[in-house]
Each structure stands twice: as C-alpha cells, then as structure tokens.
Amino acid sequence: MQRGSDRLSVHKDEEMKHELQGLIRSGHPTRVEEWHDPEPAADDDPDVTLGPVPARGTTGQAEAVRFEFARRLGRTAFPADREALLRALEERHAPDGLISLAEELPADRTFHTVQEVVTALGLHPRGRE
C-alpha cells in the first residue's frame, strides 16, 4: 500500500533496508572503506559524559561539585538558605555525598547561585583563588 507522503518509492525503501541489514545484524560497521566509519575514542581522551572537564593542572573538584549541585537544584531552588537547599536536594533524591556537603554550608546565609554555594564550601574554581 503506497502512502501519499512518501519521499521514496517502495523499491528504494527496500534497497535501503537491504543496505542497512548487515549493520543492524552485526552491530558494527560493514563498509569496505574505513574512512566512512567514525574513529573510536582514544585512551587519553577526557570523559566528557560525566561532567565538566577539569583544566590542566587542576583536580576539577570545584567544577564537579558545581555541576552536581546545578544538575540537582536547577534554577528554581534559588534564592535559598541552607535548609531550603537541603529540602530541595532531598526532594530530588540527591546522593548522600552532595547532601553532606550542603550540610556544611553556613546556616545564616542566603545563596543566590550555585557558584555562591561552591564558594561557601571553600572550593575555588580554576582561575579564582
């Protein structure tokens, strides 16, 4: 049955299915020309899927903590004091390590950004001392 909105004919559609069948079944590229295939990641490439990449010569701890707080809190949690941040983290099922860091925040201060939270914890991002 032909659909009116098809951009390809039935024959072309079947031809494309046949071309992709080897890739789908094998799970790896089946082309003869290697230059078509993407290169695999190198062993020394930074792992960018887990968070920010630290600058050279730094541990990246401040950036990693800021990334985790920002990921869990978002923009809606601010401005907030320590208790409000703890409630927001618990509601969003944050890891225990992040909650214990938030418990170290001063209780008498209101935070407007994630950066203020990280700075209050005594962590300095790259370039700021």
C-alpha atoms as a PDB file:
ATOM      1  CA  MET A   1       0.000   0.000   0.000  1.00  0.00           C
ATOM      2  CA  GLN A   2       1.501   3.310  -1.085  1.00  0.00           C
ATOM      3  CA  ARG A   3       1.340   6.289   1.268  1.00  0.00           C
ATOM      4  CA  GLY A   4       0.882   9.677  -0.284  1.00  0.00           C
ATOM      5  CA  SER A   5       3.560  11.426   1.766  1.00  0.00           C
ATOM      6  CA  ASP A   6       6.461   9.059   0.985  1.00  0.00           C
ATOM      7  CA  ARG A   7       9.519  10.735  -0.424  1.00  0.00           C
ATOM      8  CA  LEU A   8      10.957   7.420  -1.603  1.00  0.00           C
ATOM      9  CA  SER A   9       9.460   4.707  -3.721  1.00  0.00           C
ATOM     10  CA  VAL A  10       8.781   1.259  -2.318  1.00  0.00           C
ATOM     11  CA  HIS A  11      11.727  -0.129  -4.292  1.00  0.00           C
ATOM     12  CA  LYS A  12      14.144   2.473  -2.963  1.00  0.00           C
ATOM     13  CA  ASP A  13      12.903   1.841   0.578  1.00  0.00           C
ATOM     14  CA  GLU A  14      13.558  -1.894   0.213  1.00  0.00           C
ATOM     15  CA  GLU A  15      17.012  -1.221  -1.221  1.00  0.00           C
ATOM     16  CA  MET A  16      17.912   0.964   1.776  1.00  0.00           C
ATOM     17  CA  LYS A  17      16.677  -1.735   4.197  1.00  0.00           C
ATOM     18  CA  HIS A  18      18.900  -4.257   2.441  1.00  0.00           C
ATOM     19  CA  GLU A  19      21.931  -1.952   2.694  1.00  0.00           C
ATOM     20  CA  LEU A  20      21.457  -1.472   6.438  1.00  0.00           C
ATOM     21  CA  GLN A  21      20.703  -5.105   7.234  1.00  0.00           C
ATOM     22  CA  GLY A  22      24.368  -6.038   7.790  1.00  0.00           C
ATOM     23  CA  LEU A  23      24.924  -3.112  10.143  1.00  0.00           C
ATOM     24  CA  ILE A  24      21.814  -3.896  12.152  1.00  0.00           C
ATOM     25  CA  ARG A  25      22.594  -7.599  12.497  1.00  0.00           C
ATOM     26  CA  SER A  26      26.328  -7.342  13.168  1.00  0.00           C
ATOM     27  CA  GLY A  27      26.383  -4.325  15.459  1.00  0.00           C
ATOM     28  CA  HIS A  28      29.486  -2.879  13.774  1.00  0.00           C
ATOM     29  CA  PRO A  29      30.102  -1.040  10.500  1.00  0.00           C
ATOM     30  CA  THR A  30      30.235  -3.251   7.435  1.00  0.00           C
ATOM     31  CA  ARG A  31      31.679  -0.824   4.903  1.00  0.00           C
ATOM     32  CA  VAL A  32      34.829  -1.631   2.997  1.00  0.00           C
ATOM     33  CA  GLU A  33      36.105   1.948   3.113  1.00  0.00           C
ATOM     34  CA  GLU A  34      37.264   2.635   6.650  1.00  0.00           C
ATOM     35  CA  TRP A  35      37.211   6.371   6.178  1.00  0.00           C
ATOM     36  CA  HIS A  36      33.393   6.246   6.377  1.00  0.00           C
ATOM     37  CA  ASP A  37      33.487   4.960   9.966  1.00  0.00           C
ATOM     38  CA  PRO A  38      33.905   7.263  12.969  1.00  0.00           C
ATOM     39  CA  GLU A  39      37.124   6.909  14.935  1.00  0.00           C
ATOM     40  CA  PRO A  40      36.872   5.295  18.374  1.00  0.00           C
ATOM     41  CA  ALA A  41      37.744   7.325  21.456  1.00  0.00           C
ATOM     42  CA  ALA A  42      41.407   7.353  22.464  1.00  0.00           C
ATOM     43  CA  ASP A  43      42.553   6.121  25.863  1.00  0.00           C
ATOM     44  CA  ASP A  44      43.666   9.588  26.961  1.00  0.00           C
ATOM     45  CA  ASP A  45      40.525  11.441  25.835  1.00  0.00           C
ATOM     46  CA  PRO A  46      38.699  13.208  28.693  1.00  0.00           C
ATOM     47  CA  ASP A  47      35.423  11.629  29.740  1.00  0.00           C
ATOM     48  CA  VAL A  48      33.007  14.450  28.948  1.00  0.00           C
ATOM     49  CA  THR A  49      29.850  12.451  29.641  1.00  0.00           C
ATOM     50  CA  LEU A  50      30.340  12.502  33.408  1.00  0.00           C
ATOM     51  CA  GLY A  51      30.626  16.238  33.902  1.00  0.00           C
ATOM     52  CA  PRO A  52      32.910  19.181  33.261  1.00  0.00           C
ATOM     53  CA  VAL A  53      36.440  18.533  32.089  1.00  0.00           C
ATOM     54  CA  PRO A  54      38.965  19.978  34.569  1.00  0.00           C
ATOM     55  CA  ALA A  55      41.600  22.441  33.433  1.00  0.00           C
ATOM     56  CA  ARG A  56      45.156  21.193  33.085  1.00  0.00           C
ATOM     57  CA  GLY A  57      46.971  21.047  36.394  1.00  0.00           C
ATOM     58  CA  THR A  58      43.765  21.135  38.489  1.00  0.00           C
ATOM     59  CA  THR A  59      41.685  18.388  40.016  1.00  0.00           C
ATOM     60  CA  GLY A  60      38.417  19.922  38.829  1.00  0.00           C
ATOM     61  CA  GLN A  61      36.774  19.326  42.207  1.00  0.00           C
ATOM     62  CA  ALA A  62      35.070  22.744  42.313  1.00  0.00           C
ATOM     63  CA  GLU A  63      33.705  22.329  38.794  1.00  0.00           C
ATOM     64  CA  ALA A  64      32.473  18.809  39.532  1.00  0.00           C
ATOM     65  CA  VAL A  65      30.706  19.894  42.743  1.00  0.00           C
ATOM     66  CA  ARG A  66      29.166  22.896  40.987  1.00  0.00           C
ATOM     67  CA  PHE A  67      27.986  20.646  38.150  1.00  0.00           C
ATOM     68  CA  GLU A  68      26.321  18.194  40.574  1.00  0.00           C
ATOM     69  CA  PHE A  69      24.613  20.946  42.583  1.00  0.00           C
ATOM     70  CA  ALA A  70      23.394  22.630  39.398  1.00  0.00           C
ATOM     71  CA  ARG A  71      22.143  19.348  37.989  1.00  0.00           C
ATOM     72  CA  ARG A  72      20.185  18.534  41.145  1.00  0.00           C
ATOM     73  CA  LEU A  73      18.935  22.006  42.087  1.00  0.00           C
ATOM     74  CA  GLY A  74      18.303  23.812  38.812  1.00  0.00           C
ATOM     75  CA  ARG A  75      17.334  27.478  38.806  1.00  0.00           C
ATOM     76  CA  THR A  76      14.088  27.169  40.751  1.00  0.00           C
ATOM     77  CA  ALA A  77      15.734  26.493  44.119  1.00  0.00           C
ATOM     78  CA  PHE A  78      17.323  29.939  44.366  1.00  0.00           C
ATOM     79  CA  PRO A  79      17.485  32.202  46.339  1.00  0.00           C
ATOM     80  CA  ALA A  80      17.634  29.822  49.277  1.00  0.00           C
ATOM     81  CA  ASP A  81      19.248  29.285  52.645  1.00  0.00           C
ATOM     82  CA  ARG A  82      20.887  26.049  53.791  1.00  0.00           C
ATOM     83  CA  GLU A  83      17.647  24.449  54.980  1.00  0.00           C
ATOM     84  CA  ALA A  84      15.833  25.181  51.721  1.00  0.00           C
ATOM     85  CA  LEU A  85      18.728  23.731  49.736  1.00  0.00           C
ATOM     86  CA  LEU A  86      18.742  20.598  51.893  1.00  0.00           C
ATOM     87  CA  ARG A  87      14.987  20.165  51.377  1.00  0.00           C
ATOM     88  CA  ALA A  88      15.357  20.605  47.609  1.00  0.00           C
ATOM     89  CA  LEU A  89      18.200  18.081  47.464  1.00  0.00           C
ATOM     90  CA  GLU A  90      16.251  15.520  49.480  1.00  0.00           C
ATOM     91  CA  GLU A  91      13.117  16.000  47.356  1.00  0.00           C
ATOM     92  CA  ARG A  92      15.159  15.416  44.219  1.00  0.00           C
ATOM     93  CA  HIS A  93      16.859  12.321  45.682  1.00  0.00           C
ATOM     94  CA  ALA A  94      20.383  13.727  45.577  1.00  0.00           C
ATOM     95  CA  PRO A  95      23.270  11.439  46.588  1.00  0.00           C
ATOM     96  CA  ASP A  96      24.265  11.380  50.250  1.00  0.00           C
ATOM     97  CA  GLY A  97      27.658  12.926  49.493  1.00  0.00           C
ATOM     98  CA  LEU A  98      26.025  16.000  47.988  1.00  0.00           C
ATOM     99  CA  ILE A  99      23.637  16.346  50.938  1.00  0.00           C
ATOM    100  CA  SER A 100      26.521  16.081  53.412  1.00  0.00           C
ATOM    101  CA  LEU A 101      28.325  18.861  51.520  1.00  0.00           C
ATOM    102  CA  ALA A 102      25.204  21.031  51.736  1.00  0.00           C
ATOM    103  CA  GLU A 103      25.026  20.398  55.485  1.00  0.00           C
ATOM    104  CA  GLU A 104      28.427  22.117  55.803  1.00  0.00           C
ATOM    105  CA  LEU A 105      27.022  25.397  54.416  1.00  0.00           C
ATOM    106  CA  PRO A 106      26.600  28.314  56.840  1.00  0.00           C
ATOM    107  CA  ALA A 107      23.027  28.484  58.165  1.00  0.00           C
ATOM    108  CA  ASP A 108      22.864  32.288  58.382  1.00  0.00           C
ATOM    109  CA  ARG A 109      23.426  32.987  54.685  1.00  0.00           C
ATOM    110  CA  THR A 110      21.157  33.179  51.635  1.00  0.00           C
ATOM    111  CA  PHE A 111      22.548  31.791  48.388  1.00  0.00           C
ATOM    112  CA  HIS A 112      21.534  33.168  45.001  1.00  0.00           C
ATOM    113  CA  THR A 113      23.526  30.900  42.679  1.00  0.00           C
ATOM    114  CA  VAL A 114      25.233  27.534  42.641  1.00  0.00           C
ATOM    115  CA  GLN A 115      28.565  29.330  42.400  1.00  0.00           C
ATOM    116  CA  GLU A 116      27.898  31.018  45.761  1.00  0.00           C
ATOM    117  CA  VAL A 117      27.221  27.595  47.276  1.00  0.00           C
ATOM    118  CA  VAL A 118      30.501  26.180  45.960  1.00  0.00           C
ATOM    119  CA  THR A 119      32.468  29.221  47.125  1.00  0.00           C
ATOM    120  CA  ALA A 120      30.893  28.981  50.601  1.00  0.00           C
ATOM    121  CA  LEU A 121      32.148  25.401  50.776  1.00  0.00           C
ATOM    122  CA  GLY A 122      35.690  26.710  50.293  1.00  0.00           C
ATOM    123  CA  LEU A 123      36.140  25.313  46.796  1.00  0.00           C
ATOM    124  CA  HIS A 124      37.677  27.676  44.279  1.00  0.00           C
ATOM    125  CA  PRO A 125      37.137  27.122  40.572  1.00  0.00           C
ATOM    126  CA  ARG A 126      40.059  27.467  38.178  1.00  0.00           C
ATOM    127  CA  GLY A 127      41.419  30.956  37.854  1.00  0.00           C
ATOM    128  CA  ARG A 128      39.946  32.155  41.178  1.00  0.00           C
ATOM    129  CA  GLU A 129      41.883  31.946  44.398  1.00  0.00           C
END
